C-alpha atoms as a PDB file:
ATOM      1  CA  MET A   1      72.955  89.084  77.411  1.00  0.00           C
ATOM      2  CA  ARG A   2      75.397  91.410  75.653  1.00  0.00           C
ATOM      3  CA  THR A   3      78.152  92.449  78.060  1.00  0.00           C
ATOM      4  CA  VAL A   4      80.829  95.130  78.222  1.00  0.00           C
ATOM      5  CA  VAL A   5      83.703  94.430  80.610  1.00  0.00           C
ATOM      6  CA  PHE A   6      85.872  97.316  81.783  1.00  0.00           C
ATOM      7  CA  ASP A   7      89.389  97.473  83.096  1.00  0.00           C
ATOM      8  CA  LEU A   8      89.647  99.942  85.998  1.00  0.00           C
ATOM      9  CA  ASP A   9      93.006 101.727  86.303  1.00  0.00           C
ATOM     10  CA  GLY A  10      93.772 103.779  83.218  1.00  0.00           C
ATOM     11  CA  THR A  11      90.441 102.899  81.615  1.00  0.00           C
ATOM     12  CA  LEU A  12      87.595 104.049  83.852  1.00  0.00           C
ATOM     13  CA  ALA A  13      89.679 106.159  86.227  1.00  0.00           C
ATOM     14  CA  ASP A  14      93.034 107.907  86.304  1.00  0.00           C
ATOM     15  CA  THR A  15      94.483 106.383  89.466  1.00  0.00           C
ATOM     16  CA  SER A  16      98.118 107.135  88.662  1.00  0.00           C
ATOM     17  CA  ALA A  17      98.708 109.986  91.129  1.00  0.00           C
ATOM     18  CA  ASP A  18      97.545 107.986  94.145  1.00  0.00           C
ATOM     19  CA  LEU A  19      99.473 104.907  93.006  1.00  0.00           C
ATOM     20  CA  ILE A  20     102.662 106.938  92.583  1.00  0.00           C
ATOM     21  CA  ALA A  21     102.160 108.551  95.979  1.00  0.00           C
ATOM     22  CA  SER A  22     101.978 105.130  97.622  1.00  0.00           C
ATOM     23  CA  ALA A  23     105.256 104.058  96.032  1.00  0.00           C
ATOM     24  CA  ASN A  24     106.907 107.293  97.113  1.00  0.00           C
ATOM     25  CA  GLU A  25     105.766 106.618 100.674  1.00  0.00           C
ATOM     26  CA  CYS A  26     107.825 103.424 100.553  1.00  0.00           C
ATOM     27  CA  PHE A  27     110.927 105.209  99.342  1.00  0.00           C
ATOM     28  CA  ARG A  28     110.541 108.033 101.845  1.00  0.00           C
ATOM     29  CA  ALA A  29     110.302 105.488 104.668  1.00  0.00           C
ATOM     30  CA  LEU A  30     113.551 103.952 103.405  1.00  0.00           C
ATOM     31  CA  GLY A  31     115.214 107.365 103.481  1.00  0.00           C
ATOM     32  CA  HIS A  32     115.439 107.784  99.709  1.00  0.00           C
ATOM     33  CA  GLY A  33     112.839 110.524  99.209  1.00  0.00           C
ATOM     34  CA  ASP A  34     110.375 110.601  96.325  1.00  0.00           C
ATOM     35  CA  ARG A  35     111.587 108.605  93.343  1.00  0.00           C
ATOM     36  CA  LEU A  36     108.579 108.708  91.038  1.00  0.00           C
ATOM     37  CA  ASP A  37     106.589 111.594  89.598  1.00  0.00           C
ATOM     38  CA  ALA A  38     103.623 112.336  87.351  1.00  0.00           C
ATOM     39  CA  ASN A  39     105.599 111.345  84.258  1.00  0.00           C
ATOM     40  CA  ASP A  40     105.608 107.746  85.521  1.00  0.00           C
ATOM     41  CA  ALA A  41     101.882 107.175  85.041  1.00  0.00           C
ATOM     42  CA  ALA A  42     102.440 104.400  82.495  1.00  0.00           C
ATOM     43  CA  THR A  43     104.577 102.515  85.020  1.00  0.00           C
ATOM     44  CA  ALA A  44     101.943 103.041  87.715  1.00  0.00           C
ATOM     45  CA  PHE A  45      99.338 101.343  85.549  1.00  0.00           C
ATOM     46  CA  ARG A  46     101.632  98.326  85.224  1.00  0.00           C
ATOM     47  CA  GLY A  47     101.338  97.748  88.967  1.00  0.00           C
ATOM     48  CA  GLY A  48     102.953  98.272  92.342  1.00  0.00           C
ATOM     49  CA  ARG A  49     105.931  96.048  91.708  1.00  0.00           C
ATOM     50  CA  ALA A  50     106.728  97.875  88.470  1.00  0.00           C
ATOM     51  CA  MET A  51     106.767 101.166  90.381  1.00  0.00           C
ATOM     52  CA  LEU A  52     109.008  99.745  93.079  1.00  0.00           C
ATOM     53  CA  ARG A  53     111.478  98.368  90.542  1.00  0.00           C
ATOM     54  CA  LEU A  54     111.678 101.735  88.791  1.00  0.00           C
ATOM     55  CA  GLY A  55     112.154 103.528  92.093  1.00  0.00           C
ATOM     56  CA  PHE A  56     114.939 101.194  93.217  1.00  0.00           C
ATOM     57  CA  GLU A  57     116.701 101.677  89.876  1.00  0.00           C
ATOM     58  CA  ARG A  58     116.646 105.433  90.441  1.00  0.00           C
ATOM     59  CA  VAL A  59     117.969 105.137  93.986  1.00  0.00           C
ATOM     60  CA  GLY A  60     121.135 103.739  92.472  1.00  0.00           C
ATOM     61  CA  ILE A  61     121.834 101.060  95.072  1.00  0.00           C
ATOM     62  CA  ASP A  62     122.007  97.297  94.783  1.00  0.00           C
ATOM     63  CA  TRP A  63     118.547  95.781  95.112  1.00  0.00           C
ATOM     64  CA  THR A  64     116.822  92.477  94.408  1.00  0.00           C
ATOM     65  CA  GLU A  65     113.303  91.167  93.934  1.00  0.00           C
ATOM     66  CA  ALA A  66     113.340  90.391  97.663  1.00  0.00           C
ATOM     67  CA  ASP A  67     113.400  94.154  98.299  1.00  0.00           C
ATOM     68  CA  VAL A  68     110.412  94.562  95.994  1.00  0.00           C
ATOM     69  CA  ASP A  69     108.573  91.736  97.773  1.00  0.00           C
ATOM     70  CA  THR A  70     109.246  93.342 101.145  1.00  0.00           C
ATOM     71  CA  GLN A  71     107.959  96.745 100.100  1.00  0.00           C
ATOM     72  CA  PHE A  72     104.942  95.594  98.109  1.00  0.00           C
ATOM     73  CA  PRO A  73     102.629  94.893 101.106  1.00  0.00           C
ATOM     74  CA  LEU A  74     103.619  98.270 102.563  1.00  0.00           C
ATOM     75  CA  LEU A  75     102.788  99.959  99.266  1.00  0.00           C
ATOM     76  CA  LEU A  76      99.344  98.353  99.302  1.00  0.00           C
ATOM     77  CA  GLU A  77      98.850  99.534 102.878  1.00  0.00           C
ATOM     78  CA  TYR A  78      99.811 103.107 102.015  1.00  0.00           C
ATOM     79  CA  TYR A  79      97.598 102.996  98.945  1.00  0.00           C
ATOM     80  CA  GLY A  80      94.621 101.680 100.875  1.00  0.00           C
ATOM     81  CA  GLN A  81      94.911 104.574 103.319  1.00  0.00           C
ATOM     82  CA  ALA A  82      94.813 107.200 100.539  1.00  0.00           C
ATOM     83  CA  ILE A  83      93.186 105.466  97.596  1.00  0.00           C
ATOM     84  CA  ALA A  84      91.040 108.285  96.247  1.00  0.00           C
ATOM     85  CA  VAL A  85      92.830 111.518  97.103  1.00  0.00           C
ATOM     86  CA  HIS A  86      93.628 112.453  93.505  1.00  0.00           C
ATOM     87  CA  THR A  87      91.877 109.679  91.551  1.00  0.00           C
ATOM     88  CA  LYS A  88      89.157 110.793  89.159  1.00  0.00           C
ATOM     89  CA  LEU A  89      86.917 109.095  86.640  1.00  0.00           C
ATOM     90  CA  TYR A  90      87.765 109.941  83.061  1.00  0.00           C
ATOM     91  CA  PRO A  91      85.312 112.472  81.575  1.00  0.00           C
ATOM     92  CA  GLY A  92      82.039 110.855  80.565  1.00  0.00           C
ATOM     93  CA  ALA A  93      82.883 107.426  81.994  1.00  0.00           C
ATOM     94  CA  ALA A  94      79.965 107.163  84.421  1.00  0.00           C
ATOM     95  CA  GLU A  95      77.506 108.521  81.894  1.00  0.00           C
ATOM     96  CA  ALA A  96      78.689 106.048  79.241  1.00  0.00           C
ATOM     97  CA  VAL A  97      78.294 103.068  81.586  1.00  0.00           C
ATOM     98  CA  GLU A  98      74.803 104.177  82.582  1.00  0.00           C
ATOM     99  CA  ALA A  99      73.853 104.612  78.922  1.00  0.00           C
ATOM    100  CA  LEU A 100      74.957 101.053  78.164  1.00  0.00           C
ATOM    101  CA  ARG A 101      72.930  99.711  81.066  1.00  0.00           C
ATOM    102  CA  ALA A 102      69.892 101.657  79.907  1.00  0.00           C
ATOM    103  CA  SER A 103      70.320 100.096  76.461  1.00  0.00           C
ATOM    104  CA  GLY A 104      70.212  96.590  77.905  1.00  0.00           C
ATOM    105  CA  TYR A 105      73.893  95.729  78.183  1.00  0.00           C
ATOM    106  CA  ALA A 106      75.343  94.017  81.226  1.00  0.00           C
ATOM    107  CA  THR A 107      78.456  95.711  82.602  1.00  0.00           C
ATOM    108  CA  ALA A 108      81.346  94.270  84.604  1.00  0.00           C
ATOM    109  CA  ILE A 109      84.846  95.090  85.788  1.00  0.00           C
ATOM    110  CA  CYS A 110      87.902  92.863  85.397  1.00  0.00           C
ATOM    111  CA  THR A 111      90.996  94.419  86.947  1.00  0.00           C
ATOM    112  CA  ASN A 112      94.434  93.396  88.148  1.00  0.00           C
ATOM    113  CA  LYS A 113      93.985  95.580  91.212  1.00  0.00           C
ATOM    114  CA  PRO A 114      93.446  93.450  94.358  1.00  0.00           C
ATOM    115  CA  GLU A 115      89.726  92.866  94.857  1.00  0.00           C
ATOM    116  CA  GLY A 116      89.483  94.599  98.226  1.00  0.00           C
ATOM    117  CA  LEU A 117      91.199  97.750  96.989  1.00  0.00           C
ATOM    118  CA  ALA A 118      89.107  97.767  93.822  1.00  0.00           C
ATOM    119  CA  GLU A 119      85.876  97.471  95.794  1.00  0.00           C
ATOM    120  CA  THR A 120      86.979 100.291  98.094  1.00  0.00           C
ATOM    121  CA  LEU A 121      87.875 102.559  95.194  1.00  0.00           C
ATOM    122  CA  LEU A 122      84.658 101.888  93.291  1.00  0.00           C
ATOM    123  CA  GLY A 123      82.709 102.689  96.440  1.00  0.00           C
ATOM    124  CA  LYS A 124      84.542 105.958  96.980  1.00  0.00           C
ATOM    125  CA  LEU A 125      84.000 106.900  93.341  1.00  0.00           C
ATOM    126  CA  GLY A 126      80.298 106.123  93.748  1.00  0.00           C
ATOM    127  CA  ILE A 127      80.052 103.761  90.785  1.00  0.00           C
ATOM    128  CA  ARG A 128      80.059 100.225  92.246  1.00  0.00           C
ATOM    129  CA  GLN A 129      76.325  99.828  91.676  1.00  0.00           C
ATOM    130  CA  MET A 130      76.806 100.397  87.947  1.00  0.00           C
ATOM    131  CA  PHE A 131      78.498  97.004  87.479  1.00  0.00           C
ATOM    132  CA  GLY A 132      76.947  93.566  87.754  1.00  0.00           C
ATOM    133  CA  SER A 133      80.250  92.012  88.792  1.00  0.00           C
ATOM    134  CA  MET A 134      83.782  92.915  89.803  1.00  0.00           C
ATOM    135  CA  ILE A 135      86.729  90.514  89.456  1.00  0.00           C
ATOM    136  CA  GLY A 136      90.068  91.565  90.941  1.00  0.00           C
ATOM    137  CA  ALA A 137      93.604  90.238  90.745  1.00  0.00           C
ATOM    138  CA  ASP A 138      93.065  87.863  93.662  1.00  0.00           C
ATOM    139  CA  THR A 139      89.408  86.916  93.167  1.00  0.00           C
ATOM    140  CA  LEU A 140      90.456  83.754  91.344  1.00  0.00           C
ATOM    141  CA  SER A 141      93.711  81.824  91.281  1.00  0.00           C
ATOM    142  CA  THR A 142      94.721  83.551  88.031  1.00  0.00           C
ATOM    143  CA  ARG A 143      94.621  87.122  86.762  1.00  0.00           C
ATOM    144  CA  LYS A 144      94.617  88.861  83.388  1.00  0.00           C
ATOM    145  CA  PRO A 145      95.821  88.074  80.761  1.00  0.00           C
ATOM    146  CA  ASP A 146      94.495  84.624  81.679  1.00  0.00           C
ATOM    147  CA  ALA A 147      90.982  84.287  80.286  1.00  0.00           C
ATOM    148  CA  ALA A 148      89.398  82.907  83.468  1.00  0.00           C
ATOM    149  CA  PRO A 149      88.905  86.227  85.313  1.00  0.00           C
ATOM    150  CA  TYR A 150      87.314  87.760  82.225  1.00  0.00           C
ATOM    151  CA  VAL A 151      84.998  84.793  81.700  1.00  0.00           C
ATOM    152  CA  GLU A 152      83.993  84.877  85.364  1.00  0.00           C
ATOM    153  CA  ALA A 153      83.286  88.608  85.215  1.00  0.00           C
ATOM    154  CA  VAL A 154      80.913  88.038  82.306  1.00  0.00           C
ATOM    155  CA  ARG A 155      79.271  85.049  83.990  1.00  0.00           C
ATOM    156  CA  ARG A 156      78.650  86.865  87.270  1.00  0.00           C
ATOM    157  CA  ALA A 157      77.159  89.809  85.398  1.00  0.00           C
ATOM    158  CA  GLY A 158      74.682  87.461  83.725  1.00  0.00           C
ATOM    159  CA  GLY A 159      76.216  87.804  80.285  1.00  0.00           C
ATOM    160  CA  THR A 160      77.475  85.568  77.494  1.00  0.00           C
ATOM    161  CA  VAL A 161      81.155  85.531  76.574  1.00  0.00           C
ATOM    162  CA  SER A 162      80.438  85.162  72.860  1.00  0.00           C
ATOM    163  CA  ARG A 163      78.471  88.420  73.006  1.00  0.00           C
ATOM    164  CA  SER A 164      80.928  90.448  75.047  1.00  0.00           C
ATOM    165  CA  MET A 165      83.921  92.774  74.732  1.00  0.00           C
ATOM    166  CA  LEU A 166      86.656  94.234  76.908  1.00  0.00           C
ATOM    167  CA  LEU A 167      87.579  97.902  77.200  1.00  0.00           C
ATOM    168  CA  GLY A 168      91.117  98.385  78.480  1.00  0.00           C
ATOM    169  CA  ASP A 169      94.307 100.382  78.118  1.00  0.00           C
ATOM    170  CA  THR A 170      97.298  98.038  78.035  1.00  0.00           C
ATOM    171  CA  GLU A 171      98.853  95.038  76.356  1.00  0.00           C
ATOM    172  CA  THR A 172      97.536  92.926  79.250  1.00  0.00           C
ATOM    173  CA  ASP A 173      93.988  93.734  78.160  1.00  0.00           C
ATOM    174  CA  ARG A 174      94.815  92.994  74.533  1.00  0.00           C
ATOM    175  CA  LEU A 175      96.257  89.602  75.485  1.00  0.00           C
ATOM    176  CA  THR A 176      93.199  88.893  77.634  1.00  0.00           C
ATOM    177  CA  GLY A 177      91.065  89.406  74.559  1.00  0.00           C
ATOM    178  CA  HIS A 178      93.145  86.913  72.605  1.00  0.00           C
ATOM    179  CA  ALA A 179      92.916  84.384  75.446  1.00  0.00           C
ATOM    180  CA  ALA A 180      89.153  84.729  75.800  1.00  0.00           C
ATOM    181  CA  GLY A 181      88.460  84.994  72.080  1.00  0.00           C
ATOM    182  CA  ILE A 182      86.630  88.309  72.354  1.00  0.00           C
ATOM    183  CA  PRO A 183      87.095  91.769  70.802  1.00  0.00           C
ATOM    184  CA  VAL A 184      89.020  94.458  72.661  1.00  0.00           C
ATOM    185  CA  ALA A 185      88.856  98.240  72.468  1.00  0.00           C
ATOM    186  CA  LEU A 186      91.777 100.195  73.926  1.00  0.00           C
ATOM    187  CA  VAL A 187      91.562 103.783  75.151  1.00  0.00           C
ATOM    188  CA  THR A 188      93.913 106.413  73.738  1.00  0.00           C
ATOM    189  CA  PHE A 189      93.463 108.878  76.612  1.00  0.00           C
ATOM    190  CA  GLY A 190      95.665 106.921  79.012  1.00  0.00           C
ATOM    191  CA  PRO A 191      99.424 107.461  79.436  1.00  0.00           C
ATOM    192  CA  GLU A 192     100.222 105.237  76.441  1.00  0.00           C
ATOM    193  CA  GLY A 193      98.180 107.531  74.204  1.00  0.00           C
ATOM    194  CA  ASP A 194      97.849 106.557  70.567  1.00  0.00           C
ATOM    195  CA  ALA A 195     100.724 104.079  70.964  1.00  0.00           C
ATOM    196  CA  VAL A 196      98.133 101.416  71.862  1.00  0.00           C
ATOM    197  CA  ARG A 197      97.294 101.355  68.154  1.00  0.00           C
ATOM    198  CA  ALA A 198     100.375  99.143  67.696  1.00  0.00           C
ATOM    199  CA  LEU A 199      98.639  96.426  69.761  1.00  0.00           C
ATOM    200  CA  GLU A 200      96.067  96.135  66.953  1.00  0.00           C
ATOM    201  CA  PRO A 201      92.878  96.108  69.031  1.00  0.00           C
ATOM    202  CA  GLU A 202      89.556  95.702  67.284  1.00  0.00           C
ATOM    203  CA  ALA A 203      88.814  99.336  68.112  1.00  0.00           C
ATOM    204  CA  LEU A 204      90.311 102.465  69.660  1.00  0.00           C
ATOM    205  CA  LEU A 205      88.345 104.672  72.038  1.00  0.00           C
ATOM    206  CA  HIS A 206      89.308 108.344  71.996  1.00  0.00           C
ATOM    207  CA  GLY A 207      86.651 109.449  74.472  1.00  0.00           C
ATOM    208  CA  PHE A 208      83.694 107.957  76.325  1.00  0.00           C
ATOM    209  CA  ALA A 209      81.237 109.816  74.118  1.00  0.00           C
ATOM    210  CA  ASP A 210      82.189 107.349  71.371  1.00  0.00           C
ATOM    211  CA  LEU A 211      81.693 104.218  73.497  1.00  0.00           C
ATOM    212  CA  PRO A 212      78.108 103.383  72.392  1.00  0.00           C
ATOM    213  CA  GLU A 213      79.172 103.350  68.750  1.00  0.00           C
ATOM    214  CA  VAL A 214      82.221 101.171  69.491  1.00  0.00           C
ATOM    215  CA  VAL A 215      80.128  98.723  71.526  1.00  0.00           C
ATOM    216  CA  ARG A 216      77.474  98.446  68.808  1.00  0.00           C
ATOM    217  CA  ARG A 217      80.184  97.688  66.252  1.00  0.00           C
ATOM    218  CA  LEU A 218      81.974  95.046  68.331  1.00  0.00           C
ATOM    219  CA  VAL A 219      79.098  93.433  70.239  1.00  0.00           C
ATOM    220  CA  GLY A 220      75.944  94.403  68.387  1.00  0.00           C
END
């Protein structure tokens, strides 16, 4: 079966505000106040540790990776308590996924968000049932850009890797495509904007209205 695999953060949904808020909770608890803002969305999509490193740099004190490791579980806890306060699906995302399913494509999610948090978020957004599988950062022993999570997402959705593609927003997704030997489309409506063109994906997606055409071109 032809399969379209989606990244989650920055691809299906803009989760940046809630991610940034969770990092700021860490810095407030340490007495440093908010250290990140809406302009840091690109960092937020690179993960919790990236946000913590940026925040510690702005505090202007000596810090080490041990400080990041200490705060990371707290960040996840804060995030889990307020995971969908500001998060919204990108315009047309749900409709595009449903249209693919109606056309006979299998759909899956492969994300570097921890599986439990991803399942919670998808449930709150009301779209979990639209995907035949969901692979998170800790579902397997490896995560993107390793090919294994992608391959497993396709397998669990009932698809075939050789007739599949990945829709993402970052270099991690591009590298996953190389590792799995499949085409990748990158969105230009995330914080990286048109800069993702430099990653030379097989296609760019400027809006979800164009997804059916992109999928037909890359998967058939």
